[in-house]
PDB file of all heavy atoms in Angstrom:
ATOM      1  N   SER A   1      -6.897  11.370   1.925  1.00  0.00           N
ATOM      2  CA  SER A   1      -5.972  12.064   0.991  1.00  0.00           C
ATOM      3  C   SER A   1      -5.662  13.412   1.519  1.00  0.00           C
ATOM      4  O   SER A   1      -6.465  14.066   2.163  1.00  0.00           O
ATOM      5  CB  SER A   1      -6.643  12.219  -0.398  1.00  0.00           C
ATOM      6  OG  SER A   1      -6.892  10.954  -0.994  1.00  0.00           O
ATOM      7  N   VAL A   2      -4.456  13.872   1.234  1.00  0.00           N
ATOM      8  CA  VAL A   2      -4.015  15.237   1.563  1.00  0.00           C
ATOM      9  C   VAL A   2      -4.384  16.125   0.327  1.00  0.00           C
ATOM     10  O   VAL A   2      -4.008  15.798  -0.762  1.00  0.00           O
ATOM     11  CB  VAL A   2      -2.496  15.352   1.883  1.00  0.00           C
ATOM     12  CG1 VAL A   2      -2.102  16.770   2.055  1.00  0.00           C
ATOM     13  CG2 VAL A   2      -2.211  14.509   3.110  1.00  0.00           C
ATOM     14  N   THR A   3      -5.120  17.193   0.568  1.00  0.00           N
ATOM     15  CA  THR A   3      -5.560  18.001  -0.514  1.00  0.00           C
ATOM     16  C   THR A   3      -4.874  19.382  -0.575  1.00  0.00           C
ATOM     17  O   THR A   3      -4.968  20.086  -1.583  1.00  0.00           O
ATOM     18  CB  THR A   3      -7.076  18.261  -0.432  1.00  0.00           C
ATOM     19  OG1 THR A   3      -7.396  18.885   0.823  1.00  0.00           O
ATOM     20  CG2 THR A   3      -7.827  16.913  -0.573  1.00  0.00           C
ATOM     21  N   GLY A   4      -4.156  19.767   0.480  1.00  0.00           N
ATOM     22  CA  GLY A   4      -3.476  21.057   0.467  1.00  0.00           C
ATOM     23  C   GLY A   4      -2.505  21.226   1.643  1.00  0.00           C
ATOM     24  O   GLY A   4      -2.684  20.530   2.650  1.00  0.00           O
ATOM     25  N   LEU A   5      -1.614  22.126   1.440  1.00  0.00           N
ATOM     26  CA  LEU A   5      -0.612  22.418   2.509  1.00  0.00           C
ATOM     27  C   LEU A   5      -0.328  23.925   2.504  1.00  0.00           C
ATOM     28  O   LEU A   5      -0.165  24.542   1.442  1.00  0.00           O
ATOM     29  CB  LEU A   5       0.681  21.604   2.251  1.00  0.00           C
ATOM     30  CG  LEU A   5       1.859  21.854   3.160  1.00  0.00           C
ATOM     31  CD1 LEU A   5       2.642  20.543   3.435  1.00  0.00           C
ATOM     32  CD2 LEU A   5       2.852  22.885   2.526  1.00  0.00           C
ATOM     33  N   SER A   6      -0.272  24.459   3.695  1.00  0.00           N
ATOM     34  CA  SER A   6       0.053  25.904   3.833  1.00  0.00           C
ATOM     35  C   SER A   6       0.952  26.124   5.021  1.00  0.00           C
ATOM     36  O   SER A   6       1.027  25.329   5.961  1.00  0.00           O
ATOM     37  CB  SER A   6      -1.239  26.727   3.976  1.00  0.00           C
ATOM     38  OG  SER A   6      -1.972  26.281   5.143  1.00  0.00           O
ATOM     39  N   ARG A   7       1.688  27.255   4.963  1.00  0.00           N
ATOM     40  CA  ARG A   7       2.562  27.621   6.080  1.00  0.00           C
ATOM     41  C   ARG A   7       1.797  28.323   7.159  1.00  0.00           C
ATOM     42  O   ARG A   7       0.931  29.163   6.858  1.00  0.00           O
ATOM     43  CB  ARG A   7       3.682  28.485   5.599  1.00  0.00           C
ATOM     44  CG  ARG A   7       4.619  27.825   4.575  1.00  0.00           C
ATOM     45  CD  ARG A   7       5.397  26.717   5.200  1.00  0.00           C
ATOM     46  NE  ARG A   7       6.179  27.069   6.338  1.00  0.00           N
ATOM     47  CZ  ARG A   7       7.432  27.543   6.280  1.00  0.00           C
ATOM     48  NH1 ARG A   7       7.983  27.739   5.093  1.00  0.00           N
ATOM     49  NH2 ARG A   7       8.026  27.893   7.373  1.00  0.00           N
ATOM     50  N   VAL A   8       2.035  28.031   8.414  1.00  0.00           N
ATOM     51  CA  VAL A   8       1.508  28.686   9.582  1.00  0.00           C
ATOM     52  C   VAL A   8       2.602  28.887  10.602  1.00  0.00           C
ATOM     53  O   VAL A   8       3.707  28.341  10.473  1.00  0.00           O
ATOM     54  CB  VAL A   8       0.357  27.858  10.239  1.00  0.00           C
ATOM     55  CG1 VAL A   8      -0.837  27.736   9.270  1.00  0.00           C
ATOM     56  CG2 VAL A   8       0.855  26.451  10.605  1.00  0.00           C
ATOM     57  N   PRO A   9       2.408  29.735  11.590  1.00  0.00           N
ATOM     58  CA  PRO A   9       3.492  30.023  12.556  1.00  0.00           C
ATOM     59  C   PRO A   9       4.010  28.732  13.237  1.00  0.00           C
ATOM     60  O   PRO A   9       5.213  28.622  13.526  1.00  0.00           O
ATOM     61  CB  PRO A   9       2.816  30.930  13.587  1.00  0.00           C
ATOM     62  CG  PRO A   9       1.755  31.640  12.805  1.00  0.00           C
ATOM     63  CD  PRO A   9       1.252  30.676  11.818  1.00  0.00           C
ATOM     64  N   GLU A  10       3.130  27.749  13.421  1.00  0.00           N
ATOM     65  CA  GLU A  10       3.555  26.532  14.084  1.00  0.00           C
ATOM     66  C   GLU A  10       4.338  25.597  13.157  1.00  0.00           C
ATOM     67  O   GLU A  10       4.931  24.638  13.579  1.00  0.00           O
ATOM     68  CB  GLU A  10       2.313  25.711  14.601  1.00  0.00           C
ATOM     69  CG  GLU A  10       1.455  26.503  15.599  1.00  0.00           C
ATOM     70  CD  GLU A  10       0.397  27.305  14.932  1.00  0.00           C
ATOM     71  OE1 GLU A  10       0.491  27.562  13.696  1.00  0.00           O
ATOM     72  OE2 GLU A  10      -0.514  27.742  15.582  1.00  0.00           O
ATOM     73  N   GLY A  11       4.297  25.863  11.864  1.00  0.00           N
ATOM     74  CA  GLY A  11       4.975  25.038  10.862  1.00  0.00           C
ATOM     75  C   GLY A  11       4.164  24.921   9.602  1.00  0.00           C
ATOM     76  O   GLY A  11       4.226  25.724   8.720  1.00  0.00           O
ATOM     77  N   PHE A  12       3.286  23.840   9.574  1.00  0.00           N
ATOM     78  CA  PHE A  12       2.461  23.597   8.418  1.00  0.00           C
ATOM     79  C   PHE A  12       1.041  23.226   8.848  1.00  0.00           C
ATOM     80  O   PHE A  12       0.800  22.582   9.882  1.00  0.00           O
ATOM     81  CB  PHE A  12       3.053  22.425   7.571  1.00  0.00           C
ATOM     82  CG  PHE A  12       4.439  22.692   7.095  1.00  0.00           C
ATOM     83  CD1 PHE A  12       5.529  22.316   7.813  1.00  0.00           C
ATOM     84  CD2 PHE A  12       4.653  23.324   5.863  1.00  0.00           C
ATOM     85  CE1 PHE A  12       6.844  22.590   7.380  1.00  0.00           C
ATOM     86  CE2 PHE A  12       5.927  23.563   5.396  1.00  0.00           C
ATOM     87  CZ  PHE A  12       7.018  23.212   6.152  1.00  0.00           C
ATOM     88  N   ARG A  13       0.098  23.597   7.992  1.00  0.00           N
ATOM     89  CA  ARG A  13      -1.266  23.127   8.184  1.00  0.00           C
ATOM     90  C   ARG A  13      -1.624  22.312   6.988  1.00  0.00           C
ATOM     91  O   ARG A  13      -1.536  22.730   5.831  1.00  0.00           O
ATOM     92  CB  ARG A  13      -2.267  24.276   8.338  1.00  0.00           C
ATOM     93  CG  ARG A  13      -3.721  23.786   8.492  1.00  0.00           C
ATOM     94  CD  ARG A  13      -4.677  24.857   8.898  1.00  0.00           C
ATOM     95  NE  ARG A  13      -4.354  25.357  10.262  1.00  0.00           N
ATOM     96  CZ  ARG A  13      -4.218  26.567  10.648  1.00  0.00           C
ATOM     97  NH1 ARG A  13      -4.329  27.536   9.761  1.00  0.00           N
ATOM     98  NH2 ARG A  13      -3.925  26.862  11.919  1.00  0.00           N
ATOM     99  N   VAL A  14      -1.931  21.026   7.223  1.00  0.00           N
ATOM    100  CA  VAL A  14      -2.186  20.084   6.129  1.00  0.00           C
ATOM    101  C   VAL A  14      -3.671  19.804   6.145  1.00  0.00           C
ATOM    102  O   VAL A  14      -4.252  19.369   7.166  1.00  0.00           O
ATOM    103  CB  VAL A  14      -1.384  18.796   6.288  1.00  0.00           C
ATOM    104  CG1 VAL A  14      -1.730  17.760   5.212  1.00  0.00           C
ATOM    105  CG2 VAL A  14       0.140  19.097   6.244  1.00  0.00           C
ATOM    106  N   ARG A  15      -4.335  19.977   5.009  1.00  0.00           N
ATOM    107  CA  ARG A  15      -5.778  19.763   4.909  1.00  0.00           C
ATOM    108  C   ARG A  15      -6.049  18.388   4.294  1.00  0.00           C
ATOM    109  O   ARG A  15      -5.467  18.020   3.250  1.00  0.00           O
ATOM    110  CB  ARG A  15      -6.439  20.848   4.046  1.00  0.00           C
ATOM    111  CG  ARG A  15      -7.955  20.801   4.054  1.00  0.00           C
ATOM    112  CD  ARG A  15      -8.570  21.990   3.330  1.00  0.00           C
ATOM    113  NE  ARG A  15      -8.167  22.056   1.926  1.00  0.00           N
ATOM    114  CZ  ARG A  15      -7.252  22.901   1.413  1.00  0.00           C
ATOM    115  NH1 ARG A  15      -6.631  23.721   2.233  1.00  0.00           N
ATOM    116  NH2 ARG A  15      -6.961  22.894   0.160  1.00  0.00           N
ATOM    117  N   LEU A  16      -6.944  17.642   4.911  1.00  0.00           N
ATOM    118  CA  LEU A  16      -7.283  16.308   4.364  1.00  0.00           C
ATOM    119  C   LEU A  16      -8.589  16.465   3.525  1.00  0.00           C
ATOM    120  O   LEU A  16      -9.226  17.497   3.504  1.00  0.00           O
ATOM    121  CB  LEU A  16      -7.579  15.328   5.491  1.00  0.00           C
ATOM    122  CG  LEU A  16      -6.376  15.163   6.523  1.00  0.00           C
ATOM    123  CD1 LEU A  16      -6.742  14.068   7.540  1.00  0.00           C
ATOM    124  CD2 LEU A  16      -5.091  14.882   5.830  1.00  0.00           C
ATOM    125  N   ASP A  17      -8.925  15.389   2.858  1.00  0.00           N
ATOM    126  CA  ASP A  17     -10.031  15.461   1.866  1.00  0.00           C
ATOM    127  C   ASP A  17     -11.417  15.575   2.504  1.00  0.00           C
ATOM    128  O   ASP A  17     -12.365  15.733   1.763  1.00  0.00           O
ATOM    129  CB  ASP A  17      -9.981  14.263   0.902  1.00  0.00           C
ATOM    130  CG  ASP A  17     -10.002  12.902   1.594  1.00  0.00           C
ATOM    131  OD1 ASP A  17     -10.076  12.916   2.852  1.00  0.00           O
ATOM    132  OD2 ASP A  17      -9.918  11.891   0.926  1.00  0.00           O
ATOM    133  N   ASP A  18     -11.504  15.483   3.781  1.00  0.00           N
ATOM    134  CA  ASP A  18     -12.781  15.724   4.473  1.00  0.00           C
ATOM    135  C   ASP A  18     -12.794  17.063   5.212  1.00  0.00           C
ATOM    136  O   ASP A  18     -13.607  17.286   6.084  1.00  0.00           O
ATOM    137  CB  ASP A  18     -13.124  14.570   5.441  1.00  0.00           C
ATOM    138  CG  ASP A  18     -12.067  14.513   6.545  1.00  0.00           C
ATOM    139  OD1 ASP A  18     -11.000  15.150   6.433  1.00  0.00           O
ATOM    140  OD2 ASP A  18     -12.342  13.785   7.540  1.00  0.00           O
ATOM    141  N   GLU A  19     -11.816  17.926   4.818  1.00  0.00           N
ATOM    142  CA  GLU A  19     -11.645  19.263   5.441  1.00  0.00           C
ATOM    143  C   GLU A  19     -11.040  19.185   6.831  1.00  0.00           C
ATOM    144  O   GLU A  19     -10.877  20.177   7.477  1.00  0.00           O
ATOM    145  CB  GLU A  19     -12.961  20.067   5.465  1.00  0.00           C
ATOM    146  CG  GLU A  19     -13.604  20.251   4.092  1.00  0.00           C
ATOM    147  CD  GLU A  19     -12.597  20.894   3.093  1.00  0.00           C
ATOM    148  OE1 GLU A  19     -11.905  21.865   3.454  1.00  0.00           O
ATOM    149  OE2 GLU A  19     -12.565  20.412   1.947  1.00  0.00           O
ATOM    150  N   HIS A  20     -10.738  18.000   7.322  1.00  0.00           N
ATOM    151  CA  HIS A  20     -10.071  17.868   8.583  1.00  0.00           C
ATOM    152  C   HIS A  20      -8.616  18.424   8.360  1.00  0.00           C
ATOM    153  O   HIS A  20      -8.066  18.348   7.291  1.00  0.00           O
ATOM    154  CB  HIS A  20      -9.940  16.365   8.940  1.00  0.00           C
ATOM    155  CG  HIS A  20      -9.527  16.123  10.329  1.00  0.00           C
ATOM    156  ND1 HIS A  20     -10.393  15.727  11.365  1.00  0.00           N
ATOM    157  CD2 HIS A  20      -8.268  16.156  10.916  1.00  0.00           C
ATOM    158  CE1 HIS A  20      -9.730  15.551  12.455  1.00  0.00           C
ATOM    159  NE2 HIS A  20      -8.434  15.837  12.229  1.00  0.00           N
ATOM    160  N   GLU A  21      -8.067  19.058   9.407  1.00  0.00           N
ATOM    161  CA  GLU A  21      -6.733  19.639   9.299  1.00  0.00           C
ATOM    162  C   GLU A  21      -5.785  19.135  10.391  1.00  0.00           C
ATOM    163  O   GLU A  21      -6.237  18.912  11.499  1.00  0.00           O
ATOM    164  CB  GLU A  21      -6.836  21.167   9.357  1.00  0.00           C
ATOM    165  CG  GLU A  21      -7.556  21.787   8.160  1.00  0.00           C
ATOM    166  CD  GLU A  21      -7.506  23.291   8.162  1.00  0.00           C
ATOM    167  OE1 GLU A  21      -7.264  23.897   9.249  1.00  0.00           O
ATOM    168  OE2 GLU A  21      -7.731  23.903   7.106  1.00  0.00           O
ATOM    169  N   VAL A  22      -4.532  18.991   9.996  1.00  0.00           N
ATOM    170  CA  VAL A  22      -3.517  18.553  10.940  1.00  0.00           C
ATOM    171  C   VAL A  22      -2.389  19.616  10.887  1.00  0.00           C
ATOM    172  O   VAL A  22      -1.928  19.994   9.810  1.00  0.00           O
ATOM    173  CB  VAL A  22      -2.914  17.180  10.558  1.00  0.00           C
ATOM    174  CG1 VAL A  22      -1.842  16.747  11.556  1.00  0.00           C
ATOM    175  CG2 VAL A  22      -4.036  16.148  10.480  1.00  0.00           C
ATOM    176  N   THR A  23      -2.008  20.088  12.020  1.00  0.00           N
ATOM    177  CA  THR A  23      -0.898  21.032  12.124  1.00  0.00           C
ATOM    178  C   THR A  23       0.390  20.303  12.528  1.00  0.00           C
ATOM    179  O   THR A  23       0.381  19.479  13.478  1.00  0.00           O
ATOM    180  CB  THR A  23      -1.185  22.116  13.172  1.00  0.00           C
ATOM    181  OG1 THR A  23      -2.379  22.846  12.834  1.00  0.00           O
ATOM    182  CG2 THR A  23      -0.032  23.124  13.241  1.00  0.00           C
ATOM    183  N   ALA A  24       1.464  20.524  11.777  1.00  0.00           N
ATOM    184  CA  ALA A  24       2.724  19.777  12.004  1.00  0.00           C
ATOM    185  C   ALA A  24       3.894  20.741  11.984  1.00  0.00           C
ATOM    186  O   ALA A  24       3.918  21.678  11.211  1.00  0.00           O
ATOM    187  CB  ALA A  24       2.889  18.704  10.950  1.00  0.00           C
ATOM    188  N   CYS A  25       4.871  20.458  12.848  1.00  0.00           N
ATOM    189  CA  CYS A  25       6.102  21.246  12.881  1.00  0.00           C
ATOM    190  C   CYS A  25       6.948  20.938  11.632  1.00  0.00           C
ATOM    191  O   CYS A  25       7.673  21.837  11.135  1.00  0.00           O
ATOM    192  CB  CYS A  25       6.911  20.965  14.117  1.00  0.00           C
ATOM    193  SG  CYS A  25       6.015  21.308  15.649  1.00  0.00           S
ATOM    194  N   ALA A  26       6.887  19.705  11.161  1.00  0.00           N
ATOM    195  CA  ALA A  26       7.617  19.315   9.987  1.00  0.00           C
ATOM    196  C   ALA A  26       6.838  18.321   9.163  1.00  0.00           C
ATOM    197  O   ALA A  26       5.972  17.603   9.732  1.00  0.00           O
ATOM    198  CB  ALA A  26       9.034  18.701  10.369  1.00  0.00           C
ATOM    199  N   VAL A  27       7.098  18.280   7.839  1.00  0.00           N
ATOM    200  CA  VAL A  27       6.365  17.360   6.978  1.00  0.00           C
ATOM    201  C   VAL A  27       7.341  16.618   6.101  1.00  0.00           C
ATOM    202  O   VAL A  27       8.300  17.186   5.567  1.00  0.00           O
ATOM    203  CB  VAL A  27       5.391  18.147   6.024  1.00  0.00           C
ATOM    204  CG1 VAL A  27       4.765  17.212   4.993  1.00  0.00           C
ATOM    205  CG2 VAL A  27       4.320  18.810   6.874  1.00  0.00           C
ATOM    206  N   VAL A  28       7.130  15.308   6.015  1.00  0.00           N
ATOM    207  CA  VAL A  28       7.918  14.459   5.082  1.00  0.00           C
ATOM    208  C   VAL A  28       6.947  13.996   4.000  1.00  0.00           C
ATOM    209  O   VAL A  28       5.954  13.325   4.304  1.00  0.00           O
ATOM    210  CB  VAL A  28       8.543  13.232   5.783  1.00  0.00           C
ATOM    211  CG1 VAL A  28       9.080  12.212   4.781  1.00  0.00           C
ATOM    212  CG2 VAL A  28       9.685  13.689   6.729  1.00  0.00           C
ATOM    213  N   VAL A  29       7.282  14.377   2.736  1.00  0.00           N
ATOM    214  CA  VAL A  29       6.459  13.994   1.573  1.00  0.00           C
ATOM    215  C   VAL A  29       6.977  12.627   1.107  1.00  0.00           C
ATOM    216  O   VAL A  29       8.107  12.492   0.629  1.00  0.00           O
ATOM    217  CB  VAL A  29       6.522  15.028   0.474  1.00  0.00           C
ATOM    218  CG1 VAL A  29       5.712  14.569  -0.724  1.00  0.00           C
ATOM    219  CG2 VAL A  29       6.085  16.365   0.952  1.00  0.00           C
ATOM    220  N   ALA A  30       6.158  11.597   1.259  1.00  0.00           N
ATOM    221  CA  ALA A  30       6.511  10.255   0.804  1.00  0.00           C
ATOM    222  C   ALA A  30       5.287   9.668   0.038  1.00  0.00           C
ATOM    223  O   ALA A  30       4.966   8.502   0.143  1.00  0.00           O
ATOM    224  CB  ALA A  30       6.861   9.394   2.018  1.00  0.00           C
ATOM    225  N   SER A  31       4.669  10.580  -0.725  1.00  0.00           N
ATOM    226  CA  SER A  31       3.406  10.208  -1.388  1.00  0.00           C
ATOM    227  C   SER A  31       3.603   9.347  -2.618  1.00  0.00           C
ATOM    228  O   SER A  31       2.600   8.922  -3.238  1.00  0.00           O
ATOM    229  CB  SER A  31       2.597  11.455  -1.724  1.00  0.00           C
ATOM    230  OG  SER A  31       3.382  12.454  -2.342  1.00  0.00           O
ATOM    231  N   GLY A  32       4.814   9.134  -3.071  1.00  0.00           N
ATOM    232  CA  GLY A  32       5.118   8.142  -4.091  1.00  0.00           C
ATOM    233  C   GLY A  32       4.618   8.499  -5.455  1.00  0.00           C
ATOM    234  O   GLY A  32       4.386   9.642  -5.801  1.00  0.00           O
ATOM    235  N   VAL A  33       4.403   7.460  -6.243  1.00  0.00           N
ATOM    236  CA  VAL A  33       4.017   7.603  -7.639  1.00  0.00           C
ATOM    237  C   VAL A  33       2.818   6.661  -7.919  1.00  0.00           C
ATOM    238  O   VAL A  33       2.539   5.751  -7.144  1.00  0.00           O
ATOM    239  CB  VAL A  33       5.157   7.326  -8.597  1.00  0.00           C
ATOM    240  CG1 VAL A  33       6.297   8.296  -8.408  1.00  0.00           C
ATOM    241  CG2 VAL A  33       5.657   5.891  -8.410  1.00  0.00           C
ATOM    242  N   ARG A  34       2.197   6.865  -9.043  1.00  0.00           N
ATOM    243  CA  ARG A  34       1.082   6.044  -9.450  1.00  0.00           C
ATOM    244  C   ARG A  34       1.331   5.630 -10.906  1.00  0.00           C
ATOM    245  O   ARG A  34       1.834   6.430 -11.724  1.00  0.00           O
ATOM    246  CB  ARG A  34      -0.246   6.737  -9.374  1.00  0.00           C
ATOM    247  CG  ARG A  34      -0.615   6.996  -7.886  1.00  0.00           C
ATOM    248  CD  ARG A  34      -1.845   7.842  -7.727  1.00  0.00           C
ATOM    249  NE  ARG A  34      -2.159   8.049  -6.327  1.00  0.00           N
ATOM    250  CZ  ARG A  34      -3.138   8.812  -5.872  1.00  0.00           C
ATOM    251  NH1 ARG A  34      -3.987   9.394  -6.797  1.00  0.00           N
ATOM    252  NH2 ARG A  34      -3.388   8.908  -4.605  1.00  0.00           N
TER     253      ARG A  34
END
């Protein structure tokens, strides 16, 4: 699960639910509905 998103110079830092982080230049939100 993605638990948070913040802006960084490279673009975005996305935090996963195990505290793992992914840095991305662009993000597409397609998390849908429940």
